[in-house]
């Protein structure tokens, strides 16, 4: 029987997974609190753990002797990891049955820190959740369970993220049940690594810059998948683009990629790309401001001539 689980996770993605197995979780390990506008803010998993009455540890050093002693003293049957930093070997080898991780991709593709975003930006039509045993390498352990979902046409990052949160909770619960059912040895399969697997490295701001000379399809994928894809407005300011869609036609013979025109009775904003298609900007944001319909912003900024 699995009676004691220690759950490792920090962001909101991990919360449904924690809730799915809450009756067996005796400790939550999360990242540190943050200070926002002078107020202390708990990580989402800590907030949920406090609500559920589950103790929380927030180590700054995962190899700190006192932290390791706290883990050993619990004598947990299983560790479950969802969206947490890399565990040292001394930690993941500690529990009776071992440690499994929940990863938001269909491994072996999209190993790394940003699997959902890269799947979206690469135009995948399918993604999913994988549970696997942690080993000495990153995201390479034996697969316990996988479950897939379709990525719908024109779906945005927030939507697929929310759906994978729900799926992740289901896979977490089912994985614990399988481990318990088979006394720690559920049916598994090795990941067949060829060296050609698609990667999901950590994102940085520069990766989110929109290149308007690219085809419309590539730009829409960037906007759909990158959390805060951005461009510049002439020499004036950064513009974050949250939502956009292809119009299916353009005026490349009249204006350059990155220039825009107003279209339709509502004067929507259409930007020319490097292909024949234009992209309709739907929702934008100035850093520090609120997200808003693109046409409302541009109607108040007619002096801006082009995006770059």
C-alpha atoms as a PDB file:
ATOM      1  CA  UNK A   1       0.000   0.000   0.000  1.00  0.00           C
ATOM      2  CA  UNK A   2       1.041   3.578  -0.681  1.00  0.00           C
ATOM      3  CA  UNK A   3       0.198   5.608   2.400  1.00  0.00           C
ATOM      4  CA  UNK A   4       2.762   8.411   2.380  1.00  0.00           C
ATOM      5  CA  UNK A   5       3.655  10.524  -0.646  1.00  0.00           C
ATOM      6  CA  UNK A   6       5.862  13.600  -0.717  1.00  0.00           C
ATOM      7  CA  UNK A   7       4.828  15.922  -3.538  1.00  0.00           C
ATOM      8  CA  UNK A   8       7.355  18.207  -5.233  1.00  0.00           C
ATOM      9  CA  UNK A   9       5.919  21.077  -7.306  1.00  0.00           C
ATOM     10  CA  UNK A  10       5.639  24.844  -7.441  1.00  0.00           C
ATOM     11  CA  UNK A  11       3.476  26.453 -10.201  1.00  0.00           C
ATOM     12  CA  UNK A  12      -0.248  26.340 -10.899  1.00  0.00           C
ATOM     13  CA  UNK A  13       0.248  23.470 -13.366  1.00  0.00           C
ATOM     14  CA  UNK A  14       1.071  21.198 -10.423  1.00  0.00           C
ATOM     15  CA  UNK A  15      -1.966  22.072  -8.297  1.00  0.00           C
ATOM     16  CA  UNK A  16      -4.541  19.727  -9.934  1.00  0.00           C
ATOM     17  CA  UNK A  17      -2.003  16.876  -9.676  1.00  0.00           C
ATOM     18  CA  UNK A  18      -1.622  17.564  -5.961  1.00  0.00           C
ATOM     19  CA  UNK A  19      -5.376  17.644  -5.484  1.00  0.00           C
ATOM     20  CA  UNK A  20      -5.765  14.331  -7.338  1.00  0.00           C
ATOM     21  CA  UNK A  21      -3.679  12.452  -4.735  1.00  0.00           C
ATOM     22  CA  UNK A  22      -4.178  14.718  -1.708  1.00  0.00           C
ATOM     23  CA  UNK A  23      -5.355  11.902   0.569  1.00  0.00           C
ATOM     24  CA  UNK A  24      -1.937  10.233   0.338  1.00  0.00           C
ATOM     25  CA  UNK A  25       0.262  13.356   0.405  1.00  0.00           C
ATOM     26  CA  UNK A  26       1.914  13.986   3.779  1.00  0.00           C
ATOM     27  CA  UNK A  27       4.315  16.739   2.712  1.00  0.00           C
ATOM     28  CA  UNK A  28       4.597  19.269  -0.123  1.00  0.00           C
ATOM     29  CA  UNK A  29       7.973  20.627  -1.239  1.00  0.00           C
ATOM     30  CA  UNK A  30       7.695  23.878  -3.190  1.00  0.00           C
ATOM     31  CA  UNK A  31       9.770  26.801  -4.366  1.00  0.00           C
ATOM     32  CA  UNK A  32      10.182  29.949  -2.275  1.00  0.00           C
ATOM     33  CA  UNK A  33       7.598  32.615  -1.518  1.00  0.00           C
ATOM     34  CA  UNK A  34       7.782  35.816  -3.582  1.00  0.00           C
ATOM     35  CA  UNK A  35       7.426  39.417  -2.557  1.00  0.00           C
ATOM     36  CA  UNK A  36       5.045  41.307  -4.860  1.00  0.00           C
ATOM     37  CA  UNK A  37       4.286  44.977  -4.187  1.00  0.00           C
ATOM     38  CA  UNK A  38       5.545  44.610  -0.666  1.00  0.00           C
ATOM     39  CA  UNK A  39       3.367  41.574   0.102  1.00  0.00           C
ATOM     40  CA  UNK A  40       4.389  37.964   0.506  1.00  0.00           C
ATOM     41  CA  UNK A  41       2.890  35.635  -2.104  1.00  0.00           C
ATOM     42  CA  UNK A  42       2.842  31.857  -1.722  1.00  0.00           C
ATOM     43  CA  UNK A  43       3.614  29.563  -4.662  1.00  0.00           C
ATOM     44  CA  UNK A  44       0.371  27.972  -5.952  1.00  0.00           C
ATOM     45  CA  UNK A  45       1.201  24.529  -4.538  1.00  0.00           C
ATOM     46  CA  UNK A  46       1.961  25.938  -1.097  1.00  0.00           C
ATOM     47  CA  UNK A  47      -1.285  27.882  -1.152  1.00  0.00           C
ATOM     48  CA  UNK A  48      -3.200  24.695  -1.960  1.00  0.00           C
ATOM     49  CA  UNK A  49      -1.266  22.666   0.629  1.00  0.00           C
ATOM     50  CA  UNK A  50      -2.090  25.185   3.364  1.00  0.00           C
ATOM     51  CA  UNK A  51      -5.747  24.996   2.332  1.00  0.00           C
ATOM     52  CA  UNK A  52      -5.617  21.192   2.564  1.00  0.00           C
ATOM     53  CA  UNK A  53      -3.726  21.205   5.866  1.00  0.00           C
ATOM     54  CA  UNK A  54      -0.605  19.569   4.399  1.00  0.00           C
ATOM     55  CA  UNK A  55       2.812  20.654   5.787  1.00  0.00           C
ATOM     56  CA  UNK A  56       5.165  22.448   3.367  1.00  0.00           C
ATOM     57  CA  UNK A  57       8.950  22.556   3.016  1.00  0.00           C
ATOM     58  CA  UNK A  58      10.645  25.273   0.929  1.00  0.00           C
ATOM     59  CA  UNK A  59      14.339  24.425   0.790  1.00  0.00           C
ATOM     60  CA  UNK A  60      16.864  26.729  -0.844  1.00  0.00           C
ATOM     61  CA  UNK A  61      19.335  23.854  -1.128  1.00  0.00           C
ATOM     62  CA  UNK A  62      17.995  20.412  -2.022  1.00  0.00           C
ATOM     63  CA  UNK A  63      21.106  18.776  -0.541  1.00  0.00           C
ATOM     64  CA  UNK A  64      20.967  20.622   2.766  1.00  0.00           C
ATOM     65  CA  UNK A  65      21.454  18.022   5.558  1.00  0.00           C
ATOM     66  CA  UNK A  66      18.496  19.280   7.577  1.00  0.00           C
ATOM     67  CA  UNK A  67      16.180  19.104   4.533  1.00  0.00           C
ATOM     68  CA  UNK A  68      17.374  15.585   3.721  1.00  0.00           C
ATOM     69  CA  UNK A  69      16.797  14.519   7.331  1.00  0.00           C
ATOM     70  CA  UNK A  70      13.263  15.912   7.200  1.00  0.00           C
ATOM     71  CA  UNK A  71      12.558  13.836   4.094  1.00  0.00           C
ATOM     72  CA  UNK A  72      14.073  10.654   5.548  1.00  0.00           C
ATOM     73  CA  UNK A  73      12.185  11.005   8.803  1.00  0.00           C
ATOM     74  CA  UNK A  74       8.869  10.848   6.936  1.00  0.00           C
ATOM     75  CA  UNK A  75       9.773   7.441   5.447  1.00  0.00           C
ATOM     76  CA  UNK A  76       7.645   8.108   2.375  1.00  0.00           C
ATOM     77  CA  UNK A  77       6.581   5.327   0.055  1.00  0.00           C
ATOM     78  CA  UNK A  78       6.755   7.484  -3.068  1.00  0.00           C
ATOM     79  CA  UNK A  79       7.856  10.903  -4.324  1.00  0.00           C
ATOM     80  CA  UNK A  80       5.823  12.627  -7.051  1.00  0.00           C
ATOM     81  CA  UNK A  81       7.376  15.499  -9.026  1.00  0.00           C
ATOM     82  CA  UNK A  82       5.400  17.977 -11.149  1.00  0.00           C
ATOM     83  CA  UNK A  83       7.027  21.141 -12.545  1.00  0.00           C
ATOM     84  CA  UNK A  84       9.878  21.275 -10.054  1.00  0.00           C
ATOM     85  CA  UNK A  85      13.622  21.767 -10.291  1.00  0.00           C
ATOM     86  CA  UNK A  86      16.017  18.885 -10.973  1.00  0.00           C
ATOM     87  CA  UNK A  87      16.269  16.606  -7.931  1.00  0.00           C
ATOM     88  CA  UNK A  88      19.681  15.392  -6.764  1.00  0.00           C
ATOM     89  CA  UNK A  89      20.196  11.627  -6.766  1.00  0.00           C
ATOM     90  CA  UNK A  90      20.203  11.449  -2.974  1.00  0.00           C
ATOM     91  CA  UNK A  91      16.628  12.766  -3.010  1.00  0.00           C
ATOM     92  CA  UNK A  92      14.948  10.818  -5.800  1.00  0.00           C
ATOM     93  CA  UNK A  93      16.437   7.512  -4.654  1.00  0.00           C
ATOM     94  CA  UNK A  94      15.147   7.983  -1.116  1.00  0.00           C
ATOM     95  CA  UNK A  95      11.564   6.603  -1.077  1.00  0.00           C
ATOM     96  CA  UNK A  96      10.610   2.928  -0.943  1.00  0.00           C
ATOM     97  CA  UNK A  97       9.074   2.781  -4.417  1.00  0.00           C
ATOM     98  CA  UNK A  98      11.096   5.537  -6.065  1.00  0.00           C
ATOM     99  CA  UNK A  99      10.218   8.875  -7.664  1.00  0.00           C
ATOM    100  CA  UNK A 100       8.108   9.558 -10.734  1.00  0.00           C
ATOM    101  CA  UNK A 101       7.729  12.751 -12.716  1.00  0.00           C
ATOM    102  CA  UNK A 102       4.812  14.192 -14.668  1.00  0.00           C
ATOM    103  CA  UNK A 103       5.953  15.799 -17.932  1.00  0.00           C
ATOM    104  CA  UNK A 104       3.741  17.772 -20.335  1.00  0.00           C
ATOM    105  CA  UNK A 105       4.743  16.083 -23.575  1.00  0.00           C
ATOM    106  CA  UNK A 106       4.690  12.722 -25.273  1.00  0.00           C
ATOM    107  CA  UNK A 107       8.224  11.654 -24.420  1.00  0.00           C
ATOM    108  CA  UNK A 108      10.795  11.131 -25.788  1.00  0.00           C
ATOM    109  CA  UNK A 109       9.913  14.277 -27.740  1.00  0.00           C
ATOM    110  CA  UNK A 110      10.096  17.671 -26.036  1.00  0.00           C
ATOM    111  CA  UNK A 111      12.326  16.832 -23.126  1.00  0.00           C
ATOM    112  CA  UNK A 112      13.198  20.027 -21.286  1.00  0.00           C
ATOM    113  CA  UNK A 113      11.753  23.040 -19.500  1.00  0.00           C
ATOM    114  CA  UNK A 114       9.115  24.269 -21.982  1.00  0.00           C
ATOM    115  CA  UNK A 115       7.420  21.289 -23.670  1.00  0.00           C
ATOM    116  CA  UNK A 116       3.990  22.860 -24.129  1.00  0.00           C
ATOM    117  CA  UNK A 117       5.327  26.042 -25.680  1.00  0.00           C
ATOM    118  CA  UNK A 118       7.663  24.293 -28.119  1.00  0.00           C
ATOM    119  CA  UNK A 119       4.986  21.833 -29.241  1.00  0.00           C
ATOM    120  CA  UNK A 120       2.708  24.780 -30.022  1.00  0.00           C
ATOM    121  CA  UNK A 121       5.396  26.809 -31.792  1.00  0.00           C
ATOM    122  CA  UNK A 122       6.411  23.813 -33.885  1.00  0.00           C
ATOM    123  CA  UNK A 123       2.852  23.319 -35.069  1.00  0.00           C
ATOM    124  CA  UNK A 124       2.237  19.920 -33.493  1.00  0.00           C
ATOM    125  CA  UNK A 125      -1.300  18.585 -33.766  1.00  0.00           C
ATOM    126  CA  UNK A 126      -0.951  16.293 -30.747  1.00  0.00           C
ATOM    127  CA  UNK A 127       0.608  16.523 -27.312  1.00  0.00           C
ATOM    128  CA  UNK A 128      -0.028  14.962 -23.938  1.00  0.00           C
ATOM    129  CA  UNK A 129       1.212  13.905 -20.516  1.00  0.00           C
ATOM    130  CA  UNK A 130       3.859  11.331 -19.633  1.00  0.00           C
ATOM    131  CA  UNK A 131       4.583   9.836 -16.232  1.00  0.00           C
ATOM    132  CA  UNK A 132       8.036   8.276 -15.917  1.00  0.00           C
ATOM    133  CA  UNK A 133      10.520   7.115 -13.317  1.00  0.00           C
ATOM    134  CA  UNK A 134      13.239   9.655 -12.628  1.00  0.00           C
ATOM    135  CA  UNK A 135      16.784   8.459 -13.360  1.00  0.00           C
ATOM    136  CA  UNK A 136      20.248   9.997 -13.631  1.00  0.00           C
ATOM    137  CA  UNK A 137      19.408  11.993 -16.764  1.00  0.00           C
ATOM    138  CA  UNK A 138      16.794  14.634 -17.635  1.00  0.00           C
ATOM    139  CA  UNK A 139      13.397  13.279 -18.762  1.00  0.00           C
ATOM    140  CA  UNK A 140      14.841   9.964 -19.982  1.00  0.00           C
ATOM    141  CA  UNK A 141      13.452   7.469 -17.453  1.00  0.00           C
ATOM    142  CA  UNK A 142      11.180   4.490 -18.074  1.00  0.00           C
ATOM    143  CA  UNK A 143       7.684   5.514 -19.098  1.00  0.00           C
ATOM    144  CA  UNK A 144       4.849   4.400 -16.839  1.00  0.00           C
ATOM    145  CA  UNK A 145       1.831   5.992 -18.532  1.00  0.00           C
ATOM    146  CA  UNK A 146       1.072   8.328 -21.422  1.00  0.00           C
ATOM    147  CA  UNK A 147      -2.128  10.060 -22.450  1.00  0.00           C
ATOM    148  CA  UNK A 148      -2.566  12.305 -25.488  1.00  0.00           C
ATOM    149  CA  UNK A 149      -4.850  15.119 -26.626  1.00  0.00           C
ATOM    150  CA  UNK A 150      -5.282  16.891 -29.943  1.00  0.00           C
ATOM    151  CA  UNK A 151      -4.134  20.483 -30.373  1.00  0.00           C
ATOM    152  CA  UNK A 152      -7.015  22.241 -32.079  1.00  0.00           C
ATOM    153  CA  UNK A 153      -6.533  24.613 -35.004  1.00  0.00           C
ATOM    154  CA  UNK A 154      -5.945  28.188 -33.789  1.00  0.00           C
ATOM    155  CA  UNK A 155      -5.761  27.036 -30.154  1.00  0.00           C
ATOM    156  CA  UNK A 156      -3.841  29.331 -27.825  1.00  0.00           C
ATOM    157  CA  UNK A 157      -1.294  28.501 -25.152  1.00  0.00           C
ATOM    158  CA  UNK A 158      -3.676  29.248 -22.268  1.00  0.00           C
ATOM    159  CA  UNK A 159      -6.207  26.761 -23.625  1.00  0.00           C
ATOM    160  CA  UNK A 160      -3.851  23.835 -24.182  1.00  0.00           C
ATOM    161  CA  UNK A 161      -2.138  24.587 -20.861  1.00  0.00           C
ATOM    162  CA  UNK A 162      -5.472  24.337 -19.020  1.00  0.00           C
ATOM    163  CA  UNK A 163      -6.424  21.103 -20.746  1.00  0.00           C
ATOM    164  CA  UNK A 164      -3.044  19.548 -19.949  1.00  0.00           C
ATOM    165  CA  UNK A 165      -3.436  20.527 -16.286  1.00  0.00           C
ATOM    166  CA  UNK A 166      -6.610  18.439 -16.144  1.00  0.00           C
ATOM    167  CA  UNK A 167      -4.998  15.559 -18.019  1.00  0.00           C
ATOM    168  CA  UNK A 168      -1.930  15.755 -15.777  1.00  0.00           C
ATOM    169  CA  UNK A 169      -4.090  15.270 -12.693  1.00  0.00           C
ATOM    170  CA  UNK A 170      -5.740  12.211 -14.227  1.00  0.00           C
ATOM    171  CA  UNK A 171      -2.388  10.657 -15.190  1.00  0.00           C
ATOM    172  CA  UNK A 172      -0.932  11.398 -11.745  1.00  0.00           C
ATOM    173  CA  UNK A 173      -3.776   9.624  -9.974  1.00  0.00           C
ATOM    174  CA  UNK A 174      -3.707   6.678 -12.379  1.00  0.00           C
ATOM    175  CA  UNK A 175       0.075   6.332 -12.068  1.00  0.00           C
ATOM    176  CA  UNK A 176      -0.104   6.145  -8.271  1.00  0.00           C
ATOM    177  CA  UNK A 177      -2.834   3.523  -8.590  1.00  0.00           C
ATOM    178  CA  UNK A 178      -0.723   1.461 -11.017  1.00  0.00           C
ATOM    179  CA  UNK A 179       2.337   1.623  -8.770  1.00  0.00           C
ATOM    180  CA  UNK A 180       0.244   0.550  -5.789  1.00  0.00           C
ATOM    181  CA  UNK A 181      -1.485  -2.200  -7.743  1.00  0.00           C
ATOM    182  CA  UNK A 182       1.834  -3.710  -8.828  1.00  0.00           C
ATOM    183  CA  UNK A 183       3.631  -3.208  -5.506  1.00  0.00           C
ATOM    184  CA  UNK A 184       6.022  -0.637  -6.922  1.00  0.00           C
ATOM    185  CA  UNK A 185       6.699  -2.368 -10.236  1.00  0.00           C
ATOM    186  CA  UNK A 186       4.055  -1.281 -12.759  1.00  0.00           C
ATOM    187  CA  UNK A 187       4.488  -2.182 -16.426  1.00  0.00           C
ATOM    188  CA  UNK A 188       6.963   0.298 -17.965  1.00  0.00           C
ATOM    189  CA  UNK A 189       8.767   0.805 -21.233  1.00  0.00           C
ATOM    190  CA  UNK A 190      12.138   2.264 -22.016  1.00  0.00           C
ATOM    191  CA  UNK A 191      12.355   5.466 -24.028  1.00  0.00           C
ATOM    192  CA  UNK A 192      13.809   4.712 -27.443  1.00  0.00           C
ATOM    193  CA  UNK A 193      16.225   7.583 -28.020  1.00  0.00           C
ATOM    194  CA  UNK A 194      17.555   8.090 -31.548  1.00  0.00           C
ATOM    195  CA  UNK A 195      19.140  11.520 -31.154  1.00  0.00           C
ATOM    196  CA  UNK A 196      16.534  13.095 -33.432  1.00  0.00           C
ATOM    197  CA  UNK A 197      13.992  13.864 -30.718  1.00  0.00           C
ATOM    198  CA  UNK A 198      12.513  17.365 -30.621  1.00  0.00           C
ATOM    199  CA  UNK A 199      13.802  19.393 -27.699  1.00  0.00           C
ATOM    200  CA  UNK A 200      12.098  21.878 -25.364  1.00  0.00           C
ATOM    201  CA  UNK A 201      14.829  24.150 -23.965  1.00  0.00           C
ATOM    202  CA  UNK A 202      14.131  26.934 -21.522  1.00  0.00           C
ATOM    203  CA  UNK A 203      12.637  30.035 -23.138  1.00  0.00           C
ATOM    204  CA  UNK A 204      14.112  33.507 -23.005  1.00  0.00           C
ATOM    205  CA  UNK A 205      12.732  36.866 -24.082  1.00  0.00           C
ATOM    206  CA  UNK A 206      14.751  37.046 -27.312  1.00  0.00           C
ATOM    207  CA  UNK A 207      13.101  33.835 -28.543  1.00  0.00           C
ATOM    208  CA  UNK A 208       9.740  35.604 -28.397  1.00  0.00           C
ATOM    209  CA  UNK A 209      10.551  38.372 -30.871  1.00  0.00           C
ATOM    210  CA  UNK A 210       8.307  38.215 -33.942  1.00  0.00           C
ATOM    211  CA  UNK A 211      10.092  38.176 -37.292  1.00  0.00           C
ATOM    212  CA  UNK A 212       7.563  39.643 -39.733  1.00  0.00           C
ATOM    213  CA  UNK A 213       9.584  38.475 -42.743  1.00  0.00           C
ATOM    214  CA  UNK A 214       8.621  34.881 -41.950  1.00  0.00           C
ATOM    215  CA  UNK A 215       5.531  33.212 -43.446  1.00  0.00           C
ATOM    216  CA  UNK A 216       2.228  33.947 -41.709  1.00  0.00           C
ATOM    217  CA  UNK A 217       1.881  30.340 -40.498  1.00  0.00           C
ATOM    218  CA  UNK A 218       5.183  30.489 -38.603  1.00  0.00           C
ATOM    219  CA  UNK A 219       4.314  33.828 -37.016  1.00  0.00           C
ATOM    220  CA  UNK A 220       0.884  32.651 -35.857  1.00  0.00           C
ATOM    221  CA  UNK A 221       2.513  29.587 -34.297  1.00  0.00           C
ATOM    222  CA  UNK A 222       4.927  31.847 -32.424  1.00  0.00           C
ATOM    223  CA  UNK A 223       2.098  34.028 -31.133  1.00  0.00           C
ATOM    224  CA  UNK A 224      -0.022  31.016 -30.177  1.00  0.00           C
ATOM    225  CA  UNK A 225       2.784  29.180 -28.380  1.00  0.00           C
ATOM    226  CA  UNK A 226       5.189  31.703 -26.891  1.00  0.00           C
ATOM    227  CA  UNK A 227       4.016  33.280 -23.604  1.00  0.00           C
ATOM    228  CA  UNK A 228       4.279  36.922 -24.590  1.00  0.00           C
ATOM    229  CA  UNK A 229       5.516  37.021 -28.187  1.00  0.00           C
ATOM    230  CA  UNK A 230       6.549  40.595 -28.931  1.00  0.00           C
ATOM    231  CA  UNK A 231       7.488  43.109 -31.564  1.00  0.00           C
ATOM    232  CA  UNK A 232       8.502  46.750 -31.573  1.00  0.00           C
ATOM    233  CA  UNK A 233       6.529  49.750 -32.754  1.00  0.00           C
ATOM    234  CA  UNK A 234       8.987  51.753 -34.790  1.00  0.00           C
ATOM    235  CA  UNK A 235      11.462  53.161 -32.294  1.00  0.00           C
ATOM    236  CA  UNK A 236       8.813  53.807 -29.667  1.00  0.00           C
ATOM    237  CA  UNK A 237       7.829  50.828 -27.556  1.00  0.00           C
ATOM    238  CA  UNK A 238       7.516  47.081 -27.200  1.00  0.00           C
ATOM    239  CA  UNK A 239       4.196  45.512 -28.115  1.00  0.00           C
ATOM    240  CA  UNK A 240       3.228  42.083 -26.766  1.00  0.00           C
ATOM    241  CA  UNK A 241       0.919  40.114 -29.055  1.00  0.00           C
ATOM    242  CA  UNK A 242      -1.294  37.596 -27.266  1.00  0.00           C
ATOM    243  CA  UNK A 243      -3.787  36.666 -29.961  1.00  0.00           C
ATOM    244  CA  UNK A 244      -3.732  36.826 -33.746  1.00  0.00           C
ATOM    245  CA  UNK A 245      -4.940  34.897 -36.768  1.00  0.00           C
ATOM    246  CA  UNK A 246      -4.171  34.667 -40.444  1.00  0.00           C
ATOM    247  CA  UNK A 247      -6.410  36.519 -42.902  1.00  0.00           C
ATOM    248  CA  UNK A 248      -5.510  34.173 -45.745  1.00  0.00           C
ATOM    249  CA  UNK A 249      -4.528  36.991 -48.101  1.00  0.00           C
ATOM    250  CA  UNK A 250      -2.243  40.005 -48.150  1.00  0.00           C
ATOM    251  CA  UNK A 251      -0.874  42.960 -50.071  1.00  0.00           C
ATOM    252  CA  UNK A 252       2.806  42.098 -50.247  1.00  0.00           C
ATOM    253  CA  UNK A 253       3.119  43.957 -53.514  1.00  0.00           C
ATOM    254  CA  UNK A 254       2.002  47.196 -51.821  1.00  0.00           C
ATOM    255  CA  UNK A 255       3.556  47.187 -48.322  1.00  0.00           C
ATOM    256  CA  UNK A 256       6.547  45.585 -46.656  1.00  0.00           C
ATOM    257  CA  UNK A 257       6.483  42.800 -44.045  1.00  0.00           C
ATOM    258  CA  UNK A 258       5.855  44.408 -40.661  1.00  0.00           C
ATOM    259  CA  UNK A 259       3.755  47.279 -41.999  1.00  0.00           C
ATOM    260  CA  UNK A 260       0.083  47.291 -41.195  1.00  0.00           C
ATOM    261  CA  UNK A 261      -3.202  48.536 -42.549  1.00  0.00           C
ATOM    262  CA  UNK A 262      -6.704  48.946 -41.142  1.00  0.00           C
ATOM    263  CA  UNK A 263      -9.266  46.516 -42.528  1.00  0.00           C
ATOM    264  CA  UNK A 264     -13.053  46.213 -42.304  1.00  0.00           C
ATOM    265  CA  UNK A 265     -15.689  48.445 -40.781  1.00  0.00           C
ATOM    266  CA  UNK A 266     -14.209  48.007 -37.299  1.00  0.00           C
ATOM    267  CA  UNK A 267     -10.769  49.057 -38.544  1.00  0.00           C
ATOM    268  CA  UNK A 268      -9.035  45.916 -37.358  1.00  0.00           C
ATOM    269  CA  UNK A 269      -5.244  45.878 -37.616  1.00  0.00           C
ATOM    270  CA  UNK A 270      -3.709  43.591 -40.249  1.00  0.00           C
ATOM    271  CA  UNK A 271       0.081  43.175 -40.484  1.00  0.00           C
ATOM    272  CA  UNK A 272       1.813  42.033 -43.663  1.00  0.00           C
ATOM    273  CA  UNK A 273       4.107  38.999 -43.343  1.00  0.00           C
ATOM    274  CA  UNK A 274       6.797  37.554 -45.576  1.00  0.00           C
ATOM    275  CA  UNK A 275       4.258  35.336 -47.307  1.00  0.00           C
ATOM    276  CA  UNK A 276       1.193  36.428 -49.253  1.00  0.00           C
ATOM    277  CA  UNK A 277      -0.907  36.349 -46.085  1.00  0.00           C
ATOM    278  CA  UNK A 278      -1.557  39.072 -43.542  1.00  0.00           C
ATOM    279  CA  UNK A 279      -2.064  38.515 -39.827  1.00  0.00           C
ATOM    280  CA  UNK A 280      -4.937  40.115 -37.931  1.00  0.00           C
ATOM    281  CA  UNK A 281      -3.850  41.328 -34.490  1.00  0.00           C
ATOM    282  CA  UNK A 282      -6.593  40.542 -31.978  1.00  0.00           C
ATOM    283  CA  UNK A 283      -5.215  41.087 -28.475  1.00  0.00           C
ATOM    284  CA  UNK A 284      -2.116  43.058 -27.474  1.00  0.00           C
ATOM    285  CA  UNK A 285      -0.450  44.538 -24.426  1.00  0.00           C
ATOM    286  CA  UNK A 286       2.083  47.234 -23.623  1.00  0.00           C
ATOM    287  CA  UNK A 287       4.450  46.057 -20.843  1.00  0.00           C
ATOM    288  CA  UNK A 288       2.952  47.143 -17.530  1.00  0.00           C
ATOM    289  CA  UNK A 289      -0.454  47.704 -19.095  1.00  0.00           C
ATOM    290  CA  UNK A 290      -3.537  45.567 -19.529  1.00  0.00           C
ATOM    291  CA  UNK A 291      -4.284  43.191 -22.367  1.00  0.00           C
ATOM    292  CA  UNK A 292      -6.696  44.846 -24.773  1.00  0.00           C
ATOM    293  CA  UNK A 293      -8.174  44.524 -28.294  1.00  0.00           C
ATOM    294  CA  UNK A 294      -5.569  45.559 -30.835  1.00  0.00           C
ATOM    295  CA  UNK A 295      -7.899  47.901 -32.735  1.00  0.00           C
ATOM    296  CA  UNK A 296      -8.547  49.940 -29.578  1.00  0.00           C
ATOM    297  CA  UNK A 297      -4.859  50.496 -29.007  1.00  0.00           C
ATOM    298  CA  UNK A 298      -3.998  51.317 -32.612  1.00  0.00           C
ATOM    299  CA  UNK A 299      -6.912  53.719 -32.997  1.00  0.00           C
ATOM    300  CA  UNK A 300      -5.298  55.758 -30.264  1.00  0.00           C
ATOM    301  CA  UNK A 301      -1.790  55.542 -31.727  1.00  0.00           C
ATOM    302  CA  UNK A 302      -2.144  56.542 -35.345  1.00  0.00           C
ATOM    303  CA  UNK A 303       1.359  58.068 -35.369  1.00  0.00           C
ATOM    304  CA  UNK A 304       2.923  54.613 -35.378  1.00  0.00           C
ATOM    305  CA  UNK A 305       3.859  53.771 -38.968  1.00  0.00           C
ATOM    306  CA  UNK A 306       5.149  50.210 -38.798  1.00  0.00           C
ATOM    307  CA  UNK A 307       6.086  47.289 -36.624  1.00  0.00           C
ATOM    308  CA  UNK A 308       9.661  46.071 -36.738  1.00  0.00           C
END
